[in-house]
Amino acid sequence: MLVPEEDGPVSLRRPALLGLLAACTVVAGATQSGTAFVSHLPGAWYFGTPGGPLGSITHSGRRAPLPDVVAVYGGLAVLGWLWIATCRALGRRTVEVRRVLLVAFLWALPFLLGPPLFSRDLFSYAGQGEMVSHHLDPYLYGTGVLGYTPFNVLAGPLWANTPSPYGPTFL
């Protein structure tokens, strides 16, 4: 997988591109599904439009179709395999840190541009931050005190009345 260049160092081009492709596959599979991987509720970032970013073309059910499940978990498996193979190859060779960081950035880029995957906790954290900005104590109240906002709808009803379990540094 990692090919030595003429002067000896390891080429990271192939794993970088394969990892980028795998990460794009994960994000594409997750955004084309129903609510199995991401929230498609109105207000959930730019992927929150009804039907997803592609409108009525996307699947609108609660369960993801099989190709999307294969894309998401297959892409994650490929990323894991690439990570292990790259670490093993780098353990035997000298590579500039800058090149390794570039590979990591390329692998992370689709996840940075895509919606939050697998969890809606991010919206609850944002709601707690909004509470602090309004001088409301998130250790006494849940995000429900903000009223009907995207923070409550997107985080889910369970967390609307739950105070923050995290310390002050987090908030």
N, C-alpha and C. Protein backbone atom coordinates (compact mmCIF):
# COMPACT_ATOMS: atom_id res chain seq x y z
N MET A 1 0.81 -1.18 0.00
CA MET A 1 0.00 0.00 0.00
C MET A 1 0.86 1.26 0.00
N LEU A 2 1.85 1.34 0.86
CA LEU A 2 2.75 2.49 0.88
C LEU A 2 3.97 2.16 0.03
N VAL A 3 4.24 2.99 -0.93
CA VAL A 3 5.29 2.72 -1.91
C VAL A 3 6.49 3.62 -1.64
N PRO A 4 7.72 3.03 -1.53
CA PRO A 4 8.91 3.87 -1.37
C PRO A 4 9.16 4.68 -2.63
N GLU A 5 9.53 5.95 -2.45
CA GLU A 5 9.90 6.78 -3.58
C GLU A 5 11.35 6.50 -3.94
N GLU A 6 11.86 7.14 -5.02
CA GLU A 6 13.22 6.87 -5.47
C GLU A 6 14.26 7.13 -4.39
N ASP A 7 14.08 8.20 -3.62
CA ASP A 7 15.10 8.54 -2.63
C ASP A 7 14.89 7.85 -1.28
N GLY A 8 13.91 6.98 -1.15
CA GLY A 8 13.76 6.18 0.06
C GLY A 8 12.56 6.45 0.94
N PRO A 9 12.05 7.68 1.07
CA PRO A 9 10.94 7.88 1.99
C PRO A 9 9.64 7.25 1.47
N VAL A 10 8.71 7.06 2.37
CA VAL A 10 7.44 6.44 2.04
C VAL A 10 6.53 7.46 1.36
N SER A 11 5.85 7.03 0.31
CA SER A 11 4.88 7.89 -0.35
C SER A 11 3.53 7.73 0.35
N LEU A 12 2.97 8.84 0.77
CA LEU A 12 1.68 8.82 1.45
C LEU A 12 0.52 9.20 0.52
N ARG A 13 0.81 9.34 -0.76
CA ARG A 13 -0.22 9.76 -1.71
C ARG A 13 -1.36 8.77 -1.79
N ARG A 14 -1.05 7.50 -1.94
CA ARG A 14 -2.10 6.49 -2.09
C ARG A 14 -2.97 6.37 -0.84
N PRO A 15 -2.40 6.20 0.36
CA PRO A 15 -3.28 6.13 1.53
C PRO A 15 -4.05 7.43 1.78
N ALA A 16 -3.46 8.57 1.41
CA ALA A 16 -4.17 9.85 1.59
C ALA A 16 -5.42 9.89 0.71
N LEU A 17 -5.27 9.50 -0.55
CA LEU A 17 -6.40 9.53 -1.47
C LEU A 17 -7.44 8.46 -1.13
N LEU A 18 -6.97 7.26 -0.76
CA LEU A 18 -7.91 6.20 -0.37
C LEU A 18 -8.68 6.59 0.89
N GLY A 19 -8.00 7.20 1.85
CA GLY A 19 -8.67 7.64 3.07
C GLY A 19 -9.66 8.75 2.80
N LEU A 20 -9.30 9.68 1.92
CA LEU A 20 -10.23 10.74 1.54
C LEU A 20 -11.47 10.15 0.89
N LEU A 21 -11.28 9.19 0.01
CA LEU A 21 -12.40 8.52 -0.65
C LEU A 21 -13.27 7.78 0.37
N ALA A 22 -12.64 7.08 1.31
CA ALA A 22 -13.39 6.36 2.34
C ALA A 22 -14.19 7.32 3.22
N ALA A 23 -13.59 8.43 3.61
CA ALA A 23 -14.29 9.41 4.44
C ALA A 23 -15.45 10.04 3.67
N CYS A 24 -15.26 10.33 2.40
CA CYS A 24 -16.35 10.87 1.58
C CYS A 24 -17.48 9.85 1.45
N THR A 25 -17.13 8.57 1.36
CA THR A 25 -18.14 7.52 1.29
C THR A 25 -18.96 7.46 2.57
N VAL A 26 -18.30 7.60 3.72
CA VAL A 26 -19.01 7.60 5.00
C VAL A 26 -20.00 8.76 5.06
N VAL A 27 -19.54 9.95 4.75
CA VAL A 27 -20.40 11.14 4.83
C VAL A 27 -21.53 11.05 3.81
N ALA A 28 -21.23 10.61 2.60
CA ALA A 28 -22.27 10.49 1.57
C ALA A 28 -23.31 9.45 1.98
N GLY A 29 -22.87 8.31 2.48
CA GLY A 29 -23.81 7.28 2.92
C GLY A 29 -24.68 7.75 4.07
N ALA A 30 -24.10 8.52 4.98
CA ALA A 30 -24.86 9.00 6.14
C ALA A 30 -25.87 10.07 5.75
N THR A 31 -25.52 10.93 4.83
CA THR A 31 -26.42 12.03 4.49
C THR A 31 -27.53 11.61 3.54
N GLN A 32 -27.42 10.47 2.91
CA GLN A 32 -28.46 10.02 1.99
C GLN A 32 -29.53 9.20 2.68
N SER A 33 -29.32 8.88 3.94
CA SER A 33 -30.24 8.01 4.67
C SER A 33 -31.31 8.80 5.38
N GLY A 34 -32.11 8.05 6.10
CA GLY A 34 -33.10 8.68 6.98
C GLY A 34 -32.39 9.18 8.22
N THR A 35 -33.02 9.07 9.36
CA THR A 35 -32.44 9.61 10.59
C THR A 35 -31.51 8.62 11.28
N ALA A 36 -31.11 7.57 10.61
CA ALA A 36 -30.25 6.57 11.24
C ALA A 36 -28.88 7.12 11.60
N PHE A 37 -28.35 8.02 10.79
CA PHE A 37 -26.99 8.51 11.01
C PHE A 37 -26.93 10.00 11.36
N VAL A 38 -27.80 10.79 10.78
CA VAL A 38 -27.79 12.24 11.01
C VAL A 38 -29.22 12.73 11.21
N SER A 39 -29.34 13.92 11.75
CA SER A 39 -30.65 14.53 11.95
C SER A 39 -31.05 15.31 10.70
N HIS A 40 -32.20 14.98 10.14
CA HIS A 40 -32.71 15.70 8.98
C HIS A 40 -33.84 16.64 9.38
N LEU A 41 -33.91 16.99 10.65
CA LEU A 41 -34.95 17.90 11.12
C LEU A 41 -34.63 19.33 10.67
N PRO A 42 -35.65 20.13 10.43
CA PRO A 42 -35.39 21.53 10.04
C PRO A 42 -34.56 22.24 11.10
N GLY A 43 -33.54 22.95 10.67
CA GLY A 43 -32.66 23.67 11.58
C GLY A 43 -31.39 22.92 11.92
N ALA A 44 -31.25 21.68 11.49
CA ALA A 44 -30.07 20.87 11.80
C ALA A 44 -28.97 21.16 10.80
N TRP A 45 -28.42 22.34 10.90
CA TRP A 45 -27.34 22.76 10.04
C TRP A 45 -27.84 22.78 8.61
N TYR A 46 -27.00 22.71 7.61
CA TYR A 46 -27.50 22.76 6.25
C TYR A 46 -28.01 21.41 5.76
N PHE A 47 -27.75 20.34 6.52
CA PHE A 47 -28.30 19.04 6.16
C PHE A 47 -29.68 18.86 6.80
N GLY A 48 -30.20 19.86 7.47
CA GLY A 48 -31.45 19.74 8.18
C GLY A 48 -32.67 20.02 7.33
N THR A 49 -32.49 20.31 6.07
CA THR A 49 -33.66 20.57 5.23
C THR A 49 -34.43 19.27 5.03
N PRO A 50 -35.76 19.34 4.96
CA PRO A 50 -36.53 18.11 4.76
C PRO A 50 -36.06 17.37 3.52
N GLY A 51 -35.75 16.10 3.67
CA GLY A 51 -35.27 15.30 2.56
C GLY A 51 -33.77 15.36 2.38
N GLY A 52 -33.08 16.13 3.17
CA GLY A 52 -31.63 16.22 3.05
C GLY A 52 -31.21 17.26 2.03
N PRO A 53 -29.92 17.37 1.78
CA PRO A 53 -29.42 18.43 0.89
C PRO A 53 -29.85 18.26 -0.56
N LEU A 54 -30.26 17.06 -0.95
CA LEU A 54 -30.67 16.84 -2.33
C LEU A 54 -32.19 16.88 -2.50
N GLY A 55 -32.90 17.35 -1.48
CA GLY A 55 -34.35 17.46 -1.58
C GLY A 55 -35.04 16.12 -1.58
N SER A 56 -35.95 15.92 -2.52
CA SER A 56 -36.78 14.71 -2.51
C SER A 56 -36.06 13.49 -3.09
N ILE A 57 -34.83 13.64 -3.55
CA ILE A 57 -34.11 12.50 -4.11
C ILE A 57 -33.69 11.52 -3.01
N THR A 58 -33.45 12.03 -1.82
CA THR A 58 -32.92 11.19 -0.75
C THR A 58 -33.99 10.33 -0.13
N HIS A 59 -33.55 9.32 0.59
CA HIS A 59 -34.43 8.42 1.31
C HIS A 59 -35.01 9.16 2.51
N SER A 60 -36.30 9.04 2.75
CA SER A 60 -36.90 9.82 3.82
C SER A 60 -37.36 8.97 4.99
N GLY A 61 -37.09 7.68 5.00
CA GLY A 61 -37.53 6.82 6.10
C GLY A 61 -36.64 6.94 7.32
N ARG A 62 -37.06 6.28 8.40
CA ARG A 62 -36.28 6.33 9.63
C ARG A 62 -35.10 5.37 9.57
N ARG A 63 -35.20 4.33 8.78
CA ARG A 63 -34.12 3.35 8.70
C ARG A 63 -33.33 3.55 7.42
N ALA A 64 -32.03 3.42 7.54
CA ALA A 64 -31.17 3.60 6.37
C ALA A 64 -31.27 2.40 5.44
N PRO A 65 -31.30 2.64 4.13
CA PRO A 65 -31.28 1.52 3.19
C PRO A 65 -29.92 0.82 3.23
N LEU A 66 -29.90 -0.43 2.84
CA LEU A 66 -28.69 -1.25 2.91
C LEU A 66 -27.47 -0.63 2.25
N PRO A 67 -27.56 -0.04 1.05
CA PRO A 67 -26.35 0.55 0.45
C PRO A 67 -25.75 1.66 1.32
N ASP A 68 -26.59 2.42 2.00
CA ASP A 68 -26.07 3.49 2.87
C ASP A 68 -25.37 2.91 4.09
N VAL A 69 -25.93 1.85 4.65
CA VAL A 69 -25.30 1.19 5.80
C VAL A 69 -23.94 0.62 5.39
N VAL A 70 -23.89 0.00 4.22
CA VAL A 70 -22.62 -0.55 3.72
C VAL A 70 -21.62 0.58 3.47
N ALA A 71 -22.09 1.70 2.90
CA ALA A 71 -21.19 2.82 2.63
C ALA A 71 -20.62 3.39 3.92
N VAL A 72 -21.47 3.58 4.94
CA VAL A 72 -21.00 4.18 6.19
C VAL A 72 -20.05 3.24 6.92
N TYR A 73 -20.48 2.02 7.18
CA TYR A 73 -19.63 1.12 7.97
C TYR A 73 -18.47 0.56 7.15
N GLY A 74 -18.65 0.39 5.84
CA GLY A 74 -17.55 -0.03 4.99
C GLY A 74 -16.48 1.05 4.91
N GLY A 75 -16.91 2.30 4.77
CA GLY A 75 -15.96 3.41 4.75
C GLY A 75 -15.19 3.53 6.05
N LEU A 76 -15.89 3.35 7.18
CA LEU A 76 -15.20 3.39 8.47
C LEU A 76 -14.21 2.24 8.61
N ALA A 77 -14.57 1.06 8.11
CA ALA A 77 -13.65 -0.09 8.17
C ALA A 77 -12.41 0.17 7.32
N VAL A 78 -12.60 0.74 6.13
CA VAL A 78 -11.45 1.06 5.26
C VAL A 78 -10.56 2.11 5.93
N LEU A 79 -11.17 3.12 6.55
CA LEU A 79 -10.37 4.13 7.26
C LEU A 79 -9.56 3.49 8.38
N GLY A 80 -10.17 2.59 9.13
CA GLY A 80 -9.45 1.90 10.20
C GLY A 80 -8.31 1.06 9.67
N TRP A 81 -8.55 0.34 8.59
CA TRP A 81 -7.51 -0.49 7.98
C TRP A 81 -6.37 0.39 7.45
N LEU A 82 -6.71 1.49 6.80
CA LEU A 82 -5.69 2.41 6.29
C LEU A 82 -4.86 3.00 7.43
N TRP A 83 -5.51 3.34 8.53
CA TRP A 83 -4.81 3.90 9.68
C TRP A 83 -3.78 2.91 10.22
N ILE A 84 -4.20 1.68 10.41
CA ILE A 84 -3.28 0.65 10.93
C ILE A 84 -2.14 0.40 9.96
N ALA A 85 -2.45 0.25 8.68
CA ALA A 85 -1.41 -0.01 7.68
C ALA A 85 -0.44 1.16 7.57
N THR A 86 -0.95 2.37 7.64
CA THR A 86 -0.10 3.56 7.55
C THR A 86 0.80 3.66 8.78
N CYS A 87 0.24 3.42 9.96
CA CYS A 87 1.06 3.47 11.19
C CYS A 87 2.16 2.42 11.16
N ARG A 88 1.84 1.22 10.69
CA ARG A 88 2.86 0.17 10.60
C ARG A 88 3.98 0.57 9.64
N ALA A 89 3.61 1.12 8.48
CA ALA A 89 4.61 1.51 7.49
C ALA A 89 5.44 2.68 7.98
N LEU A 90 4.81 3.61 8.68
CA LEU A 90 5.55 4.78 9.17
C LEU A 90 6.46 4.42 10.32
N GLY A 91 6.17 3.34 11.01
CA GLY A 91 7.03 2.92 12.11
C GLY A 91 8.40 2.46 11.65
N ARG A 92 8.52 2.10 10.38
CA ARG A 92 9.78 1.60 9.83
C ARG A 92 10.53 2.64 9.01
N ARG A 93 9.93 3.79 8.73
CA ARG A 93 10.53 4.79 7.86
C ARG A 93 10.47 6.17 8.51
N THR A 94 11.26 7.08 7.95
CA THR A 94 11.23 8.46 8.40
C THR A 94 10.38 9.26 7.42
N VAL A 95 9.39 9.97 7.95
CA VAL A 95 8.50 10.77 7.12
C VAL A 95 8.33 12.12 7.80
N GLU A 96 8.29 13.18 7.00
CA GLU A 96 8.08 14.51 7.55
C GLU A 96 6.72 14.59 8.23
N VAL A 97 6.70 15.22 9.39
CA VAL A 97 5.45 15.37 10.14
C VAL A 97 4.42 16.13 9.31
N ARG A 98 4.87 17.09 8.55
CA ARG A 98 3.98 17.88 7.69
C ARG A 98 3.18 17.00 6.75
N ARG A 99 3.81 15.98 6.19
CA ARG A 99 3.13 15.07 5.26
C ARG A 99 2.09 14.21 5.98
N VAL A 100 2.41 13.78 7.19
CA VAL A 100 1.47 12.97 7.97
C VAL A 100 0.26 13.83 8.37
N LEU A 101 0.51 15.07 8.76
CA LEU A 101 -0.58 15.97 9.12
C LEU A 101 -1.47 16.27 7.92
N LEU A 102 -0.90 16.37 6.75
CA LEU A 102 -1.69 16.59 5.54
C LEU A 102 -2.62 15.41 5.29
N VAL A 103 -2.11 14.20 5.47
CA VAL A 103 -2.94 13.00 5.31
C VAL A 103 -4.09 13.03 6.32
N ALA A 104 -3.79 13.33 7.57
CA ALA A 104 -4.83 13.39 8.60
C ALA A 104 -5.86 14.45 8.26
N PHE A 105 -5.43 15.59 7.76
CA PHE A 105 -6.36 16.65 7.37
C PHE A 105 -7.26 16.19 6.23
N LEU A 106 -6.68 15.52 5.23
CA LEU A 106 -7.49 15.04 4.10
C LEU A 106 -8.53 14.02 4.57
N TRP A 107 -8.15 13.17 5.51
CA TRP A 107 -9.10 12.17 6.02
C TRP A 107 -10.20 12.84 6.84
N ALA A 108 -9.89 13.91 7.53
CA ALA A 108 -10.87 14.58 8.40
C ALA A 108 -11.76 15.57 7.64
N LEU A 109 -11.31 16.06 6.50
CA LEU A 109 -12.02 17.11 5.78
C LEU A 109 -13.50 16.78 5.51
N PRO A 110 -13.85 15.61 4.99
CA PRO A 110 -15.27 15.32 4.77
C PRO A 110 -16.10 15.36 6.06
N PHE A 111 -15.49 14.93 7.17
CA PHE A 111 -16.22 14.95 8.44
C PHE A 111 -16.39 16.37 8.96
N LEU A 112 -15.44 17.25 8.66
CA LEU A 112 -15.56 18.65 9.07
C LEU A 112 -16.63 19.37 8.27
N LEU A 113 -16.79 19.00 7.01
CA LEU A 113 -17.78 19.64 6.15
C LEU A 113 -19.16 19.01 6.26
N GLY A 114 -19.22 17.78 6.73
CA GLY A 114 -20.48 17.08 6.84
C GLY A 114 -21.19 17.36 8.15
N PRO A 115 -22.37 16.78 8.32
CA PRO A 115 -23.14 16.99 9.55
C PRO A 115 -22.60 16.14 10.69
N PRO A 116 -23.01 16.41 11.92
CA PRO A 116 -22.63 15.54 13.03
C PRO A 116 -23.22 14.14 12.80
N LEU A 117 -22.39 13.13 12.92
CA LEU A 117 -22.82 11.75 12.66
C LEU A 117 -23.02 10.97 13.96
N PHE A 118 -23.99 10.08 13.96
CA PHE A 118 -24.23 9.09 15.01
C PHE A 118 -24.75 9.66 16.33
N SER A 119 -24.75 10.94 16.53
CA SER A 119 -25.16 11.50 17.81
C SER A 119 -25.69 12.91 17.61
N ARG A 120 -26.68 13.25 18.42
CA ARG A 120 -27.21 14.61 18.38
C ARG A 120 -26.75 15.40 19.61
N ASP A 121 -25.75 14.89 20.31
CA ASP A 121 -25.24 15.57 21.50
C ASP A 121 -24.74 16.98 21.20
N LEU A 122 -24.19 17.18 20.03
CA LEU A 122 -23.65 18.48 19.66
C LEU A 122 -24.70 19.59 19.83
N PHE A 123 -25.95 19.29 19.49
CA PHE A 123 -27.01 20.28 19.61
C PHE A 123 -27.32 20.56 21.08
N SER A 124 -27.22 19.54 21.92
CA SER A 124 -27.42 19.75 23.36
C SER A 124 -26.31 20.62 23.93
N TYR A 125 -25.08 20.39 23.52
CA TYR A 125 -23.95 21.20 23.99
C TYR A 125 -24.12 22.65 23.54
N ALA A 126 -24.57 22.83 22.30
CA ALA A 126 -24.79 24.19 21.80
C ALA A 126 -25.91 24.87 22.60
N GLY A 127 -26.93 24.11 22.95
CA GLY A 127 -28.01 24.66 23.77
C GLY A 127 -27.53 25.08 25.15
N GLN A 128 -26.64 24.29 25.73
CA GLN A 128 -26.08 24.66 27.04
C GLN A 128 -25.23 25.92 26.91
N GLY A 129 -24.52 26.06 25.83
CA GLY A 129 -23.76 27.28 25.58
C GLY A 129 -24.69 28.48 25.41
N GLU A 130 -25.81 28.26 24.73
CA GLU A 130 -26.80 29.33 24.57
C GLU A 130 -27.39 29.72 25.92
N MET A 131 -27.60 28.74 26.79
CA MET A 131 -28.10 29.04 28.14
C MET A 131 -27.12 29.93 28.89
N VAL A 132 -25.84 29.60 28.81
CA VAL A 132 -24.81 30.40 29.50
C VAL A 132 -24.81 31.82 28.95
N SER A 133 -25.00 31.98 27.64
CA SER A 133 -25.00 33.32 27.05
C SER A 133 -26.21 34.15 27.52
N HIS A 134 -27.27 33.47 27.99
CA HIS A 134 -28.45 34.16 28.53
C HIS A 134 -28.43 34.19 30.06
N HIS A 135 -27.29 33.86 30.65
CA HIS A 135 -27.11 33.84 32.10
C HIS A 135 -28.04 32.86 32.81
N LEU A 136 -28.33 31.73 32.15
CA LEU A 136 -29.11 30.66 32.76
C LEU A 136 -28.15 29.57 33.20
N ASP A 137 -28.38 29.01 34.35
CA ASP A 137 -27.48 28.01 34.92
C ASP A 137 -27.78 26.62 34.35
N PRO A 138 -26.89 26.08 33.49
CA PRO A 138 -27.14 24.76 32.91
C PRO A 138 -26.99 23.61 33.91
N TYR A 139 -26.53 23.92 35.15
CA TYR A 139 -26.44 22.90 36.18
C TYR A 139 -27.74 22.78 36.95
N LEU A 140 -28.64 23.73 36.75
CA LEU A 140 -29.94 23.68 37.42
C LEU A 140 -31.06 23.33 36.46
N TYR A 141 -30.91 23.71 35.18
CA TYR A 141 -31.97 23.53 34.21
C TYR A 141 -31.44 22.83 32.96
N GLY A 142 -32.37 22.26 32.21
CA GLY A 142 -32.04 21.72 30.90
C GLY A 142 -32.27 22.77 29.83
N THR A 143 -31.99 22.43 28.60
CA THR A 143 -32.14 23.39 27.50
C THR A 143 -33.60 23.73 27.22
N GLY A 144 -34.52 23.02 27.84
CA GLY A 144 -35.95 23.30 27.67
C GLY A 144 -36.35 24.68 28.13
N VAL A 145 -35.58 25.30 29.03
CA VAL A 145 -35.92 26.64 29.51
C VAL A 145 -35.75 27.69 28.41
N LEU A 146 -35.08 27.33 27.32
CA LEU A 146 -34.91 28.27 26.21
C LEU A 146 -36.17 28.38 25.36
N GLY A 147 -37.13 27.49 25.59
CA GLY A 147 -38.34 27.48 24.78
C GLY A 147 -38.14 26.60 23.55
N TYR A 148 -39.00 26.76 22.58
CA TYR A 148 -38.94 25.94 21.37
C TYR A 148 -37.85 26.49 20.47
N THR A 149 -36.69 25.87 20.53
CA THR A 149 -35.54 26.29 19.72
C THR A 149 -34.96 25.06 19.04
N PRO A 150 -34.10 25.25 18.04
CA PRO A 150 -33.44 24.10 17.43
C PRO A 150 -32.64 23.28 18.45
N PHE A 151 -32.17 23.92 19.51
CA PHE A 151 -31.38 23.20 20.50
C PHE A 151 -32.20 22.10 21.17
N ASN A 152 -33.49 22.36 21.40
CA ASN A 152 -34.34 21.36 22.04
C ASN A 152 -34.82 20.32 21.05
N VAL A 153 -35.29 20.77 19.90
CA VAL A 153 -35.83 19.86 18.90
C VAL A 153 -34.75 18.89 18.41
N LEU A 154 -33.58 19.41 18.15
CA LEU A 154 -32.52 18.59 17.57
C LEU A 154 -31.83 17.71 18.60
N ALA A 155 -31.75 18.16 19.84
CA ALA A 155 -31.10 17.35 20.87
C ALA A 155 -31.99 16.21 21.32
N GLY A 156 -33.28 16.36 21.20
CA GLY A 156 -34.21 15.32 21.60
C GLY A 156 -34.90 15.68 22.91
N PRO A 157 -36.10 15.14 23.12
CA PRO A 157 -36.88 15.49 24.30
C PRO A 157 -36.26 15.02 25.62
N LEU A 158 -35.50 13.95 25.59
CA LEU A 158 -34.89 13.44 26.81
C LEU A 158 -33.97 14.47 27.45
N TRP A 159 -33.23 15.21 26.65
CA TRP A 159 -32.23 16.14 27.16
C TRP A 159 -32.77 17.54 27.42
N ALA A 160 -34.00 17.81 27.02
CA ALA A 160 -34.56 19.16 27.20
C ALA A 160 -34.66 19.55 28.67
N ASN A 161 -34.88 18.59 29.54
CA ASN A 161 -35.04 18.90 30.97
C ASN A 161 -33.92 18.32 31.82
N THR A 162 -32.82 17.95 31.18
CA THR A 162 -31.70 17.36 31.90
C THR A 162 -30.60 18.41 32.08
N PRO A 163 -30.21 18.70 33.32
CA PRO A 163 -29.09 19.64 33.54
C PRO A 163 -27.78 19.07 32.99
N SER A 164 -26.82 19.92 32.80
CA SER A 164 -25.53 19.51 32.25
C SER A 164 -24.78 18.60 33.24
N PRO A 165 -24.27 17.47 32.77
CA PRO A 165 -23.48 16.60 33.63
C PRO A 165 -21.98 16.94 33.60
N TYR A 166 -21.60 17.96 32.82
CA TYR A 166 -20.19 18.27 32.63
C TYR A 166 -19.74 19.44 33.49
N GLY A 167 -18.46 19.54 33.71
CA GLY A 167 -17.88 20.57 34.56
C GLY A 167 -17.84 21.94 33.91
N PRO A 168 -17.43 22.95 34.67
CA PRO A 168 -17.44 24.33 34.18
C PRO A 168 -16.47 24.60 33.04
N THR A 169 -15.40 23.86 32.95
CA THR A 169 -14.46 24.08 31.85
C THR A 169 -15.12 23.78 30.52
N PHE A 170 -15.93 22.75 30.48
CA PHE A 170 -16.63 22.38 29.26
C PHE A 170 -17.57 23.50 28.82
N LEU A 171 -18.32 24.05 29.77
CA LEU A 171 -19.28 25.09 29.42
C LEU A 171 -18.59 26.42 29.20
